[in-house]
N, C-alpha and C. Protein backbone atom coordinates (compact mmCIF):
# COMPACT_ATOMS: atom_id res chain seq x y z
N UNK A 1 2.93 3.81 16.94
CA UNK A 1 2.31 5.26 17.00
C UNK A 1 3.06 6.92 16.06
N UNK A 2 2.04 6.44 14.52
CA UNK A 2 2.99 7.69 14.19
C UNK A 2 2.80 8.74 14.68
N UNK A 3 3.89 9.68 15.05
CA UNK A 3 4.90 10.81 15.47
C UNK A 3 3.82 11.82 14.70
N UNK A 4 4.37 11.71 13.00
CA UNK A 4 4.23 13.30 12.16
C UNK A 4 4.61 12.35 10.88
N UNK A 5 4.39 13.03 9.79
CA UNK A 5 4.78 12.13 8.49
C UNK A 5 5.05 13.65 7.60
N UNK A 6 6.21 13.85 6.28
CA UNK A 6 5.94 14.95 5.30
C UNK A 6 6.16 14.59 4.66
N UNK A 7 5.85 15.54 3.57
CA UNK A 7 5.88 14.94 1.85
C UNK A 7 7.43 14.92 1.64
N UNK A 8 8.01 14.05 0.93
CA UNK A 8 9.55 14.64 0.57
C UNK A 8 9.57 14.95 -0.89
N UNK A 9 9.03 14.26 -2.21
CA UNK A 9 9.23 14.35 -3.24
C UNK A 9 8.29 14.08 -3.89
N UNK A 10 7.95 13.95 -5.42
CA UNK A 10 7.27 13.18 -6.16
C UNK A 10 8.26 13.04 -7.48
N UNK A 11 7.90 11.72 -7.67
CA UNK A 11 9.41 11.09 -8.91
C UNK A 11 8.50 10.21 -10.19
N UNK A 12 8.92 11.04 -11.01
CA UNK A 12 8.36 10.20 -12.30
C UNK A 12 9.12 8.54 -12.66
N UNK A 13 10.10 8.38 -12.11
CA UNK A 13 10.73 7.15 -12.21
C UNK A 13 11.60 6.99 -11.32
N UNK A 14 11.29 5.49 -11.19
CA UNK A 14 12.49 5.48 -9.71
C UNK A 14 13.89 5.55 -9.87
N UNK A 15 14.25 5.82 -10.82
CA UNK A 15 15.30 6.16 -10.91
C UNK A 15 15.75 7.36 -10.21
N UNK A 16 14.24 8.85 -9.82
CA UNK A 16 14.76 9.76 -9.25
C UNK A 16 13.93 10.18 -8.21
N UNK A 17 13.81 8.42 -7.34
CA UNK A 17 13.35 8.47 -6.06
C UNK A 17 14.47 8.76 -4.93
N UNK A 18 14.50 9.26 -3.91
CA UNK A 18 15.20 9.68 -2.79
C UNK A 18 15.96 8.59 -2.64
N UNK A 19 17.85 8.90 -2.70
CA UNK A 19 18.51 8.54 -1.89
C UNK A 19 18.64 8.33 -0.71
N UNK A 20 18.19 7.11 -0.23
CA UNK A 20 18.03 6.80 1.07
C UNK A 20 17.34 5.26 1.46
N UNK A 21 18.63 4.93 2.53
CA UNK A 21 18.74 3.83 3.46
C UNK A 21 16.98 3.51 3.82
N UNK A 22 16.34 4.44 4.38
CA UNK A 22 14.90 4.35 4.92
C UNK A 22 14.15 3.23 4.61
N UNK A 23 13.68 2.63 5.19
CA UNK A 23 12.98 1.46 5.30
C UNK A 23 11.38 2.02 3.84
N UNK A 24 11.03 1.27 3.08
CA UNK A 24 10.01 1.89 2.08
C UNK A 24 8.69 0.94 2.55
N UNK A 25 7.30 1.33 2.47
CA UNK A 25 6.45 0.88 2.59
C UNK A 25 5.66 1.59 1.35
N UNK A 26 4.90 0.83 0.36
CA UNK A 26 4.80 1.05 -0.41
C UNK A 26 3.29 0.72 -0.69
N UNK A 27 1.96 1.48 -1.59
CA UNK A 27 0.79 1.70 -1.43
C UNK A 27 0.06 1.50 -2.66
N UNK A 28 -0.64 0.77 -2.99
CA UNK A 28 -1.14 0.78 -4.54
C UNK A 28 -2.19 -0.31 -4.37
N UNK A 29 -2.86 -0.35 -5.92
CA UNK A 29 -4.12 -0.44 -5.92
C UNK A 29 -5.01 0.24 -7.36
N UNK A 30 -6.15 -0.66 -7.69
CA UNK A 30 -6.70 -0.15 -8.52
C UNK A 30 -7.47 1.59 -8.09
N UNK A 31 -7.20 2.49 -9.66
CA UNK A 31 -8.01 3.79 -9.19
C UNK A 31 -8.98 3.95 -8.19
N UNK A 32 -8.84 4.78 -7.58
CA UNK A 32 -10.48 5.50 -6.66
C UNK A 32 -10.36 3.79 -5.85
N UNK A 33 -9.47 3.60 -5.36
CA UNK A 33 -10.03 2.26 -4.27
C UNK A 33 -9.62 2.97 -2.50
N UNK A 34 -8.89 4.23 -2.43
CA UNK A 34 -8.94 5.14 -1.40
C UNK A 34 -7.89 4.86 -0.61
N UNK A 35 -6.79 4.82 -1.58
CA UNK A 35 -5.24 5.02 -1.57
C UNK A 35 -5.06 6.17 -0.52
N UNK A 36 -5.22 7.38 -1.17
CA UNK A 36 -4.77 8.36 -0.08
C UNK A 36 -6.00 9.01 0.57
N UNK A 37 -6.65 8.15 0.86
CA UNK A 37 -7.48 8.26 2.46
C UNK A 37 -6.29 7.53 3.24
N UNK A 38 -6.49 6.74 2.67
CA UNK A 38 -5.79 5.26 3.57
C UNK A 38 -4.72 6.04 4.38
N UNK A 39 -3.95 6.55 3.48
CA UNK A 39 -2.28 6.81 3.69
C UNK A 39 -2.94 8.48 5.15
N UNK A 40 -4.03 8.92 4.28
CA UNK A 40 -3.73 9.97 5.38
C UNK A 40 -4.66 9.38 6.98
N UNK A 41 -5.26 8.60 6.93
CA UNK A 41 -5.92 8.37 8.21
C UNK A 41 -4.44 7.00 8.95
N UNK A 42 -3.51 6.33 8.21
CA UNK A 42 -2.22 6.49 9.12
C UNK A 42 -1.26 7.32 9.45
N UNK A 43 -1.51 8.36 9.02
CA UNK A 43 -0.62 9.00 9.64
C UNK A 43 -1.27 10.31 10.08
N UNK A 44 -2.46 9.97 10.43
CA UNK A 44 -3.38 11.01 11.24
C UNK A 44 -3.55 12.76 10.43
N UNK A 45 -3.27 12.72 9.08
CA UNK A 45 -3.04 14.19 8.74
C UNK A 45 -3.95 14.10 7.19
N UNK A 46 -5.35 14.38 7.77
CA UNK A 46 -6.11 14.70 6.13
C UNK A 46 -5.61 14.98 4.90
N UNK A 47 -4.72 16.13 5.12
CA UNK A 47 -4.34 16.37 4.16
C UNK A 47 -2.53 16.07 3.40
N UNK A 48 -2.36 15.36 3.70
CA UNK A 48 -0.80 14.86 3.63
C UNK A 48 -0.79 14.55 1.93
N UNK A 49 -1.80 13.02 1.93
CA UNK A 49 -2.10 12.60 0.16
C UNK A 49 -3.13 13.03 -0.13
N UNK A 50 -2.61 14.51 -1.72
CA UNK A 50 -4.06 14.67 -1.64
C UNK A 50 -5.42 13.40 -2.40
N UNK A 51 -6.33 13.56 -2.30
CA UNK A 51 -7.14 12.77 -2.55
C UNK A 51 -8.43 13.88 -3.44
N UNK A 52 -9.32 12.81 -4.06
CA UNK A 52 -9.59 12.76 -5.30
C UNK A 52 -10.66 11.90 -5.44
N UNK A 53 -12.25 12.74 -6.46
CA UNK A 53 -13.70 11.35 -6.71
C UNK A 53 -13.01 10.52 -7.93
N UNK A 54 -12.01 11.59 -8.62
CA UNK A 54 -11.85 11.51 -10.10
C UNK A 54 -10.65 10.53 -10.13
N UNK A 55 -10.60 9.42 -10.91
CA UNK A 55 -9.68 8.58 -10.65
C UNK A 55 -8.78 8.54 -11.21
N UNK A 56 -7.31 8.57 -11.13
CA UNK A 56 -6.11 8.43 -11.90
C UNK A 56 -5.69 9.71 -11.13
N UNK A 57 -5.71 10.05 -10.37
CA UNK A 57 -4.63 11.27 -9.69
C UNK A 57 -3.35 11.29 -9.28
N UNK A 58 -2.89 10.06 -8.78
CA UNK A 58 -1.73 10.08 -8.43
C UNK A 58 -0.81 9.48 -9.71
N UNK A 59 -0.23 10.17 -9.92
CA UNK A 59 0.40 9.77 -11.88
C UNK A 59 2.10 9.70 -11.30
N UNK A 60 2.76 9.79 -10.33
CA UNK A 60 3.52 9.81 -9.49
C UNK A 60 4.68 9.09 -8.46
N UNK A 61 5.19 8.53 -8.06
CA UNK A 61 5.52 7.95 -7.20
C UNK A 61 6.04 9.09 -6.19
N UNK A 62 5.01 9.05 -5.43
CA UNK A 62 5.39 10.12 -3.97
C UNK A 62 5.86 9.73 -2.99
N UNK A 63 7.00 10.02 -2.05
CA UNK A 63 7.34 9.76 -0.81
C UNK A 63 6.81 10.91 -0.10
N UNK A 64 6.58 10.50 1.41
CA UNK A 64 6.66 10.82 2.43
C UNK A 64 7.51 10.74 3.59
N UNK A 65 8.17 10.99 4.31
CA UNK A 65 9.06 11.13 5.73
C UNK A 65 7.66 10.44 6.48
N UNK A 66 8.25 9.48 7.57
CA UNK A 66 7.23 9.61 8.79
C UNK A 66 8.21 8.91 10.07
N UNK A 67 7.89 9.13 11.08
CA UNK A 67 8.40 9.13 12.36
C UNK A 67 7.76 8.63 13.37
N UNK A 68 7.78 6.95 13.65
CA UNK A 68 6.70 6.73 14.44
C UNK A 68 7.49 6.05 15.79
N UNK A 69 6.41 6.34 17.06
CA UNK A 69 7.41 6.34 18.38
C UNK A 69 6.62 4.39 18.25
N UNK A 70 8.03 3.80 19.02
CA UNK A 70 7.50 2.22 19.22
C UNK A 70 7.61 2.92 20.52
N UNK A 71 8.22 3.43 21.22
CA UNK A 71 8.39 3.02 22.93
C UNK A 71 8.71 4.90 23.69
N UNK A 72 8.69 4.97 24.32
CA UNK A 72 9.16 6.49 25.28
C UNK A 72 10.43 6.91 24.91
N UNK A 73 11.02 5.66 25.02
CA UNK A 73 12.60 6.17 24.38
C UNK A 73 13.36 6.03 22.62
N UNK A 74 12.38 5.37 22.46
CA UNK A 74 12.37 4.30 21.04
C UNK A 74 11.69 5.12 19.63
N UNK A 75 12.18 5.70 18.82
CA UNK A 75 11.37 6.00 17.79
C UNK A 75 12.18 5.53 16.39
N UNK A 76 11.42 5.69 15.45
CA UNK A 76 12.04 4.93 14.36
C UNK A 76 11.78 6.16 13.16
N UNK A 77 12.42 6.32 11.63
CA UNK A 77 12.35 6.35 10.60
C UNK A 77 12.03 5.71 9.25
N UNK A 78 10.75 6.20 8.50
CA UNK A 78 10.66 5.28 7.51
C UNK A 78 9.93 5.90 6.25
N UNK A 79 9.42 5.58 5.31
CA UNK A 79 9.10 5.98 3.95
C UNK A 79 8.07 5.42 4.04
N UNK A 80 6.81 6.45 3.63
CA UNK A 80 5.43 5.39 2.93
C UNK A 80 5.63 5.87 1.76
N UNK A 81 5.07 5.28 0.90
CA UNK A 81 5.26 5.67 -0.32
C UNK A 81 3.94 4.68 -1.44
N UNK A 82 3.12 6.59 -2.63
CA UNK A 82 2.08 6.30 -2.53
C UNK A 82 2.16 6.81 -3.98
N UNK A 83 1.48 4.72 -4.94
CA UNK A 83 2.19 4.69 -5.86
C UNK A 83 0.88 5.05 -7.29
N UNK A 84 1.29 5.29 -8.62
CA UNK A 84 -0.43 5.62 -8.77
C UNK A 84 -0.91 4.37 -9.07
N UNK A 85 -2.64 4.80 -9.17
CA UNK A 85 -3.26 3.65 -9.29
C UNK A 85 -3.03 2.97 -10.63
N UNK A 86 -3.32 1.64 -11.00
CA UNK A 86 -3.25 0.87 -12.09
C UNK A 86 -4.99 0.57 -12.64
N UNK A 87 -5.21 0.96 -13.70
CA UNK A 87 -6.67 0.06 -14.13
C UNK A 87 -7.03 1.14 -14.34
N UNK A 88 -7.11 2.66 -14.60
CA UNK A 88 -8.14 3.16 -15.24
C UNK A 88 -8.57 3.06 -16.57
N UNK A 89 -9.73 2.73 -16.37
CA UNK A 89 -10.13 2.77 -18.17
C UNK A 89 -10.09 3.82 -18.96
N UNK A 90 -10.24 5.01 -18.26
CA UNK A 90 -10.23 6.22 -19.42
C UNK A 90 -8.97 6.62 -19.54
N UNK A 91 -8.06 6.10 -18.86
CA UNK A 91 -6.22 6.46 -19.50
C UNK A 91 -6.30 5.97 -20.78
N UNK A 92 -5.41 6.42 -21.56
CA UNK A 92 -5.33 6.03 -22.72
C UNK A 92 -4.23 5.00 -22.63
N UNK A 93 -4.10 4.35 -24.03
CA UNK A 93 -3.28 2.72 -23.70
C UNK A 93 -2.11 3.87 -23.40
N UNK A 94 -1.29 4.44 -24.40
CA UNK A 94 -0.14 4.68 -23.53
C UNK A 94 0.34 5.59 -22.32
N UNK A 95 -0.21 5.67 -21.36
CA UNK A 95 -0.59 6.66 -20.39
C UNK A 95 -0.67 5.08 -19.91
N UNK A 96 -1.49 3.80 -19.60
CA UNK A 96 -1.33 2.84 -18.73
C UNK A 96 -0.17 1.83 -18.73
N UNK A 97 0.57 1.96 -20.05
CA UNK A 97 1.64 1.13 -20.69
C UNK A 97 2.68 2.19 -20.20
N UNK A 98 2.70 3.00 -19.55
CA UNK A 98 3.88 3.98 -19.05
C UNK A 98 3.73 3.85 -17.13
N UNK A 99 2.42 3.94 -16.82
CA UNK A 99 2.63 3.88 -15.61
C UNK A 99 2.33 2.45 -14.78
N UNK A 100 2.24 1.61 -15.83
CA UNK A 100 2.82 -0.20 -15.93
C UNK A 100 4.20 -0.16 -15.63
N UNK A 101 4.73 0.29 -16.12
CA UNK A 101 6.08 0.19 -16.45
C UNK A 101 6.82 1.23 -15.43
N UNK A 102 6.71 2.26 -14.83
CA UNK A 102 6.68 3.01 -13.82
C UNK A 102 6.77 2.22 -12.87
N UNK A 103 5.91 1.92 -12.32
CA UNK A 103 5.58 0.77 -10.98
C UNK A 103 5.82 -0.90 -10.72
N UNK A 104 6.35 -0.96 -12.31
CA UNK A 104 6.82 -2.52 -12.09
C UNK A 104 8.13 -2.28 -12.15
N UNK A 105 8.94 -0.89 -12.42
CA UNK A 105 10.33 -0.87 -12.37
C UNK A 105 10.47 -0.27 -10.86
N UNK A 106 9.57 0.22 -10.00
CA UNK A 106 9.87 0.47 -8.76
C UNK A 106 9.84 -0.39 -8.44
N UNK A 107 8.94 -1.45 -7.99
CA UNK A 107 8.89 -2.67 -7.39
C UNK A 107 10.24 -3.61 -7.67
N UNK A 108 10.80 -3.98 -8.50
CA UNK A 108 11.75 -4.67 -8.71
C UNK A 108 13.17 -3.72 -8.59
N UNK A 109 13.20 -2.65 -8.54
CA UNK A 109 14.26 -1.63 -8.53
C UNK A 109 14.84 -1.17 -7.13
N UNK A 110 13.60 -0.92 -6.42
CA UNK A 110 14.31 -0.43 -5.28
C UNK A 110 14.15 -1.01 -4.14
N UNK A 111 15.77 -1.36 -3.59
CA UNK A 111 15.92 -2.08 -2.99
C UNK A 111 15.35 -1.84 -1.34
N UNK A 112 14.98 -0.68 -1.24
CA UNK A 112 14.55 -0.21 0.55
C UNK A 112 12.88 -0.94 0.51
N UNK A 113 12.78 -1.14 -0.94
CA UNK A 113 11.06 -2.07 -0.64
C UNK A 113 10.86 -3.02 0.30
N UNK A 114 10.31 -2.63 1.39
CA UNK A 114 10.09 -3.67 2.64
C UNK A 114 8.72 -4.19 2.37
N UNK A 115 7.77 -3.50 2.16
CA UNK A 115 6.54 -4.13 2.03
C UNK A 115 5.81 -3.30 1.06
N UNK A 116 4.99 -4.09 0.26
CA UNK A 116 3.93 -3.48 -0.92
C UNK A 116 2.24 -4.10 -0.32
N UNK A 117 2.00 -2.55 0.08
CA UNK A 117 0.10 -2.51 0.65
C UNK A 117 -0.51 -2.95 -0.65
N UNK A 118 -1.16 -3.95 -1.03
CA UNK A 118 -2.29 -3.59 -2.18
C UNK A 118 -3.52 -3.51 -2.10
N UNK A 119 -4.15 -2.73 -2.23
CA UNK A 119 -5.77 -1.97 -1.85
C UNK A 119 -6.66 -2.72 -3.16
N UNK A 120 -8.10 -3.29 -1.77
CA UNK A 120 -8.58 -3.82 -3.31
C UNK A 120 -10.12 -3.42 -2.23
N UNK A 121 -11.01 -3.15 -2.88
CA UNK A 121 -12.66 -2.51 -2.48
C UNK A 121 -12.70 -3.65 -1.64
N UNK A 122 -13.29 -3.92 -0.92
CA UNK A 122 -13.59 -4.75 0.06
C UNK A 122 -15.70 -4.94 -0.33
N UNK A 123 -16.29 -4.41 -1.01
CA UNK A 123 -17.63 -4.32 -1.88
C UNK A 123 -17.26 -4.87 -3.13
N UNK A 124 -16.45 -5.43 -3.35
CA UNK A 124 -16.17 -6.32 -5.11
C UNK A 124 -15.84 -7.51 -4.82
N UNK A 125 -16.02 -8.57 -5.54
CA UNK A 125 -15.18 -9.87 -6.15
C UNK A 125 -14.35 -9.77 -6.53
N UNK A 126 -13.54 -10.50 -6.24
CA UNK A 126 -11.44 -10.32 -6.52
C UNK A 126 -11.59 -10.21 -8.28
N UNK A 127 -10.80 -9.16 -8.47
CA UNK A 127 -11.30 -8.61 -9.84
C UNK A 127 -9.23 -9.48 -10.37
N UNK A 128 -9.91 -9.83 -11.97
CA UNK A 128 -8.99 -9.99 -12.46
C UNK A 128 -7.38 -9.23 -12.56
N UNK A 129 -7.71 -8.47 -12.82
CA UNK A 129 -6.08 -7.31 -12.60
C UNK A 129 -5.27 -7.34 -11.59
N UNK A 130 -6.31 -6.90 -10.68
CA UNK A 130 -5.63 -7.07 -8.50
C UNK A 130 -4.96 -8.98 -8.72
N UNK A 131 -5.81 -9.65 -8.89
CA UNK A 131 -4.86 -11.20 -8.73
C UNK A 131 -4.01 -11.52 -9.75
N UNK A 132 -3.76 -10.99 -11.00
CA UNK A 132 -3.10 -10.96 -11.98
C UNK A 132 -1.66 -10.03 -11.15
N UNK A 133 -1.79 -8.94 -10.70
CA UNK A 133 -0.76 -8.16 -10.40
C UNK A 133 -0.44 -9.22 -8.80
N UNK A 134 -0.87 -9.10 -7.94
CA UNK A 134 -0.88 -9.86 -7.03
C UNK A 134 0.43 -11.48 -7.16
N UNK A 135 -0.06 -12.36 -8.63
CA UNK A 135 0.61 -13.02 -8.60
C UNK A 135 1.79 -12.99 -9.39
N UNK A 136 1.74 -11.67 -9.99
CA UNK A 136 3.04 -11.09 -10.55
C UNK A 136 4.18 -10.45 -9.47
N UNK A 137 3.49 -10.29 -8.57
CA UNK A 137 4.59 -9.91 -7.41
C UNK A 137 4.61 -11.34 -6.80
N UNK A 138 3.77 -11.87 -6.31
CA UNK A 138 4.81 -13.89 -6.28
C UNK A 138 5.65 -14.25 -7.06
N UNK A 139 5.51 -14.33 -8.46
CA UNK A 139 6.52 -14.50 -9.02
C UNK A 139 7.96 -13.83 -8.79
N UNK A 140 7.81 -12.21 -8.64
CA UNK A 140 9.06 -11.64 -8.69
C UNK A 140 9.28 -11.49 -6.76
N UNK A 141 8.70 -12.53 -6.24
CA UNK A 141 9.46 -12.86 -4.73
C UNK A 141 9.49 -11.31 -4.16
N UNK A 142 8.33 -10.24 -4.40
CA UNK A 142 8.20 -8.99 -4.05
C UNK A 142 6.83 -9.43 -2.78
N UNK A 143 7.59 -9.07 -1.34
CA UNK A 143 6.58 -9.47 -0.17
C UNK A 143 5.43 -8.10 -0.33
N UNK A 144 4.21 -8.77 0.03
CA UNK A 144 2.64 -7.81 0.47
C UNK A 144 2.06 -8.44 0.61
N UNK A 145 1.40 -7.26 1.35
CA UNK A 145 0.20 -7.82 2.27
C UNK A 145 -1.62 -7.21 0.88
N UNK A 146 -2.23 -7.39 1.74
CA UNK A 146 -3.52 -6.91 0.88
C UNK A 146 -3.91 -6.04 2.48
N UNK A 147 -4.83 -5.05 1.40
CA UNK A 147 -5.36 -4.04 2.25
C UNK A 147 -7.25 -4.18 2.12
N UNK A 148 -8.14 -4.26 2.49
CA UNK A 148 -9.53 -4.45 2.31
C UNK A 148 -9.59 -3.10 2.67
N UNK A 149 -10.41 -2.27 1.71
CA UNK A 149 -10.89 -0.86 2.01
C UNK A 149 -12.45 -0.50 2.04
N UNK A 150 -12.53 0.60 2.15
CA UNK A 150 -14.65 1.06 2.72
C UNK A 150 -14.87 -0.24 3.39
N UNK A 151 -14.44 -0.80 4.21
CA UNK A 151 -15.10 -1.59 4.78
C UNK A 151 -16.76 -1.27 5.45
N UNK A 152 -16.61 -0.13 5.88
CA UNK A 152 -17.44 0.81 6.77
C UNK A 152 -19.10 0.66 5.64
N UNK A 153 -18.84 0.38 4.07
CA UNK A 153 -19.61 0.34 3.17
C UNK A 153 -20.78 -0.89 3.60
N UNK A 154 -20.18 -1.63 4.19
CA UNK A 154 -20.91 -3.33 4.17
C UNK A 154 -21.33 -3.11 5.68
N UNK A 155 -22.32 -3.99 5.85
CA UNK A 155 -22.32 -4.63 7.26
C UNK A 155 -21.36 -5.87 7.40
N UNK A 156 -21.35 -6.38 8.66
CA UNK A 156 -20.38 -6.92 9.07
C UNK A 156 -20.64 -8.49 8.68
N UNK A 157 -21.11 -9.19 8.59
CA UNK A 157 -21.83 -10.36 7.35
C UNK A 157 -21.14 -10.40 6.32
N UNK A 158 -21.67 -9.57 5.36
CA UNK A 158 -21.78 -9.58 4.31
C UNK A 158 -19.74 -8.89 4.27
N UNK A 159 -19.40 -8.44 4.64
CA UNK A 159 -17.76 -8.10 4.51
C UNK A 159 -17.32 -9.04 4.98
N UNK A 160 -17.65 -10.23 5.62
CA UNK A 160 -16.85 -11.61 6.29
C UNK A 160 -17.08 -12.31 4.83
N UNK A 161 -18.26 -12.23 4.50
CA UNK A 161 -18.64 -12.92 3.38
C UNK A 161 -17.60 -12.47 2.51
N UNK A 162 -17.47 -11.41 1.81
CA UNK A 162 -16.76 -11.09 1.02
C UNK A 162 -15.17 -10.97 1.54
N UNK A 163 -14.69 -11.25 2.16
CA UNK A 163 -13.38 -11.27 2.36
C UNK A 163 -13.08 -12.98 2.23
N UNK A 164 -14.13 -13.75 2.84
CA UNK A 164 -13.78 -15.28 2.85
C UNK A 164 -13.82 -15.21 1.34
N UNK A 165 -14.90 -15.15 0.71
CA UNK A 165 -14.62 -15.51 -0.69
C UNK A 165 -13.68 -15.54 -1.43
N UNK A 166 -12.77 -14.36 -1.51
CA UNK A 166 -11.74 -13.83 -1.90
C UNK A 166 -10.52 -14.67 -1.51
N UNK A 167 -10.92 -15.09 -0.28
CA UNK A 167 -9.46 -15.83 -0.04
C UNK A 167 -9.59 -16.85 -0.78
N UNK A 168 -10.95 -17.45 -1.16
CA UNK A 168 -10.66 -18.68 -1.61
C UNK A 168 -10.42 -18.62 -3.05
N UNK A 169 -10.81 -17.32 -4.32
CA UNK A 169 -10.10 -17.24 -5.32
C UNK A 169 -8.27 -17.80 -5.19
N UNK A 170 -7.90 -16.67 -4.28
CA UNK A 170 -6.73 -16.57 -3.99
C UNK A 170 -5.95 -18.01 -3.80
N UNK A 171 -6.54 -18.70 -3.04
CA UNK A 171 -6.18 -20.37 -2.49
C UNK A 171 -6.28 -21.27 -3.59
N UNK A 172 -6.29 -20.58 -5.17
CA UNK A 172 -6.52 -21.68 -5.86
C UNK A 172 -4.93 -21.49 -6.84
N UNK A 173 -4.39 -20.50 -6.78
CA UNK A 173 -3.08 -20.10 -6.76
C UNK A 173 -2.17 -19.69 -6.00
N UNK A 174 -2.31 -19.77 -4.52
CA UNK A 174 -1.42 -19.59 -3.38
C UNK A 174 -0.87 -20.92 -2.71
N UNK A 175 -0.33 -21.27 -1.90
CA UNK A 175 -0.40 -22.26 -1.35
C UNK A 175 -0.31 -21.61 0.10
N UNK A 176 0.00 -20.00 0.62
CA UNK A 176 -0.55 -19.33 1.62
C UNK A 176 -0.27 -18.69 1.58
N UNK A 177 -1.63 -17.76 2.18
CA UNK A 177 -1.81 -16.03 1.96
C UNK A 177 -0.87 -15.26 2.44
N UNK A 178 -0.91 -13.83 1.89
CA UNK A 178 -0.30 -12.79 2.70
C UNK A 178 -1.34 -12.24 3.89
N UNK A 179 -0.31 -11.61 4.69
CA UNK A 179 -0.89 -10.54 5.69
C UNK A 179 -2.42 -9.88 5.23
N UNK A 180 -3.17 -9.89 5.88
CA UNK A 180 -4.94 -9.26 5.00
C UNK A 180 -5.19 -8.26 6.36
N UNK A 181 -5.53 -7.20 5.45
CA UNK A 181 -5.73 -6.17 6.70
C UNK A 181 -7.65 -5.44 6.09
N UNK A 182 -8.01 -4.99 6.90
CA UNK A 182 -9.28 -4.83 6.76
C UNK A 182 -9.38 -3.43 7.60
N UNK A 183 -10.08 -2.39 6.42
CA UNK A 183 -9.83 -1.17 6.65
C UNK A 183 -11.02 -0.75 6.39
N UNK A 184 -10.97 0.80 7.20
CA UNK A 184 -11.96 1.89 6.54
C UNK A 184 -11.51 3.28 7.01
N UNK A 185 -11.21 4.10 6.33
CA UNK A 185 -10.46 5.49 6.24
C UNK A 185 -11.49 6.15 7.20
N UNK A 186 -13.13 6.07 6.57
CA UNK A 186 -14.14 6.89 7.12
C UNK A 186 -13.72 6.61 8.60
N UNK A 187 -14.04 5.31 8.84
CA UNK A 187 -14.32 5.08 10.76
C UNK A 187 -12.51 4.80 11.27
N UNK A 188 -11.32 5.01 10.46
CA UNK A 188 -10.40 5.07 10.68
C UNK A 188 -10.46 3.61 11.85
N UNK A 189 -10.81 2.60 10.98
CA UNK A 189 -10.62 1.22 11.40
C UNK A 189 -8.99 0.58 10.24
N UNK A 190 -8.46 -0.25 11.01
CA UNK A 190 -7.27 -0.93 10.68
C UNK A 190 -5.85 -0.09 10.08
N UNK A 191 -5.75 0.86 10.74
CA UNK A 191 -4.61 1.63 10.71
C UNK A 191 -3.86 1.11 11.52
N UNK A 192 -4.09 1.28 12.80
CA UNK A 192 -2.95 0.67 14.21
C UNK A 192 -2.28 -0.67 13.87
N UNK A 193 -3.19 -1.76 12.91
CA UNK A 193 -2.52 -2.89 12.63
C UNK A 193 -1.67 -2.82 11.61
N UNK A 194 -1.87 -1.84 10.78
CA UNK A 194 -1.27 -1.40 9.62
C UNK A 194 0.34 -1.15 10.12
N UNK A 195 0.07 -0.15 10.71
CA UNK A 195 1.17 0.23 11.46
C UNK A 195 1.98 -0.26 12.38
N UNK A 196 1.45 -1.09 13.35
CA UNK A 196 2.15 -2.02 14.07
C UNK A 196 3.20 -2.85 13.22
N UNK A 197 2.13 -3.67 12.35
CA UNK A 197 3.07 -4.84 11.20
C UNK A 197 4.58 -4.27 10.81
N UNK A 198 3.86 -2.34 10.36
CA UNK A 198 5.15 -2.15 9.76
C UNK A 198 6.84 -2.04 10.71
N UNK A 199 6.30 -1.57 11.89
CA UNK A 199 7.20 -1.19 13.13
C UNK A 199 7.82 -3.10 13.25
N UNK A 200 6.85 -4.31 13.52
CA UNK A 200 7.20 -5.45 13.41
C UNK A 200 8.64 -5.69 12.22
N UNK A 201 8.31 -5.08 11.52
CA UNK A 201 9.13 -5.56 10.29
C UNK A 201 10.60 -4.49 10.24
N UNK A 202 10.57 -3.29 10.66
CA UNK A 202 11.49 -2.66 10.98
C UNK A 202 12.31 -3.00 11.99
N UNK A 203 11.16 -3.52 12.96
CA UNK A 203 12.41 -4.03 14.70
C UNK A 203 13.33 -5.46 13.62
N UNK A 204 12.48 -6.00 13.10
CA UNK A 204 13.15 -7.25 12.46
C UNK A 204 14.47 -6.94 11.63
N UNK A 205 14.74 -5.23 11.07
CA UNK A 205 15.53 -5.52 9.98
C UNK A 205 16.88 -4.71 10.96
N UNK A 206 15.97 -3.66 11.64
CA UNK A 206 17.10 -3.00 12.94
C UNK A 206 18.37 -4.37 13.35
N UNK A 207 17.30 -5.42 13.94
CA UNK A 207 18.18 -6.42 14.61
C UNK A 207 19.04 -6.99 13.46
N UNK A 208 18.44 -7.08 12.17
CA UNK A 208 19.33 -7.78 11.67
C UNK A 208 20.62 -6.65 11.23
N UNK A 209 20.19 -5.48 11.21
CA UNK A 209 21.69 -4.43 10.77
C UNK A 209 22.84 -4.72 11.73
N UNK A 210 22.38 -5.07 13.13
CA UNK A 210 23.18 -5.24 14.41
C UNK A 210 24.07 -6.33 14.62
N UNK A 211 23.61 -7.45 13.63
CA UNK A 211 24.21 -8.60 13.92
C UNK A 211 25.58 -8.53 13.04
């Protein structure tokens, strides 16, 4: 359970990110996929990450300090990182290239990164730009999970069909699928599962550091 979350800093490049050893969990996806809304749902703070109806709002690497309560006597701190969205068609080619470079540098150089949550719109079929990005993550051996957003916009059966269809596309190139979460910021769905997954990774890191 998340006790609090506070904004730390916005950085134009990975080299300006906080000098910290805390685990980081980054969130990324195509523009307007619901990234900021998901972060606000996870942290129970509707004003933490700035949301906008206009795609391309996030242009910097945004760090948030989080403290979660694993038990009555045990708490842990970590960072949520809100990365810029990709694939905003109205952005100039130069801006798209700069954002891609910023994202890639963060993913490759940020040693604190424990998992990247890749958000995809549950209403859409698998998009080429998302699949290519996930394949790149796999090639670079960057751990990631897939988060289906806006689940409330579909009926239960249609949602299940869309997720299964997406899995089939991934299985064309992946032997083993990454963890998958289904969420709705509107209905407060899926947040607890994501936080629990983060806490499990944090627990493994803590045990490893104590060995």
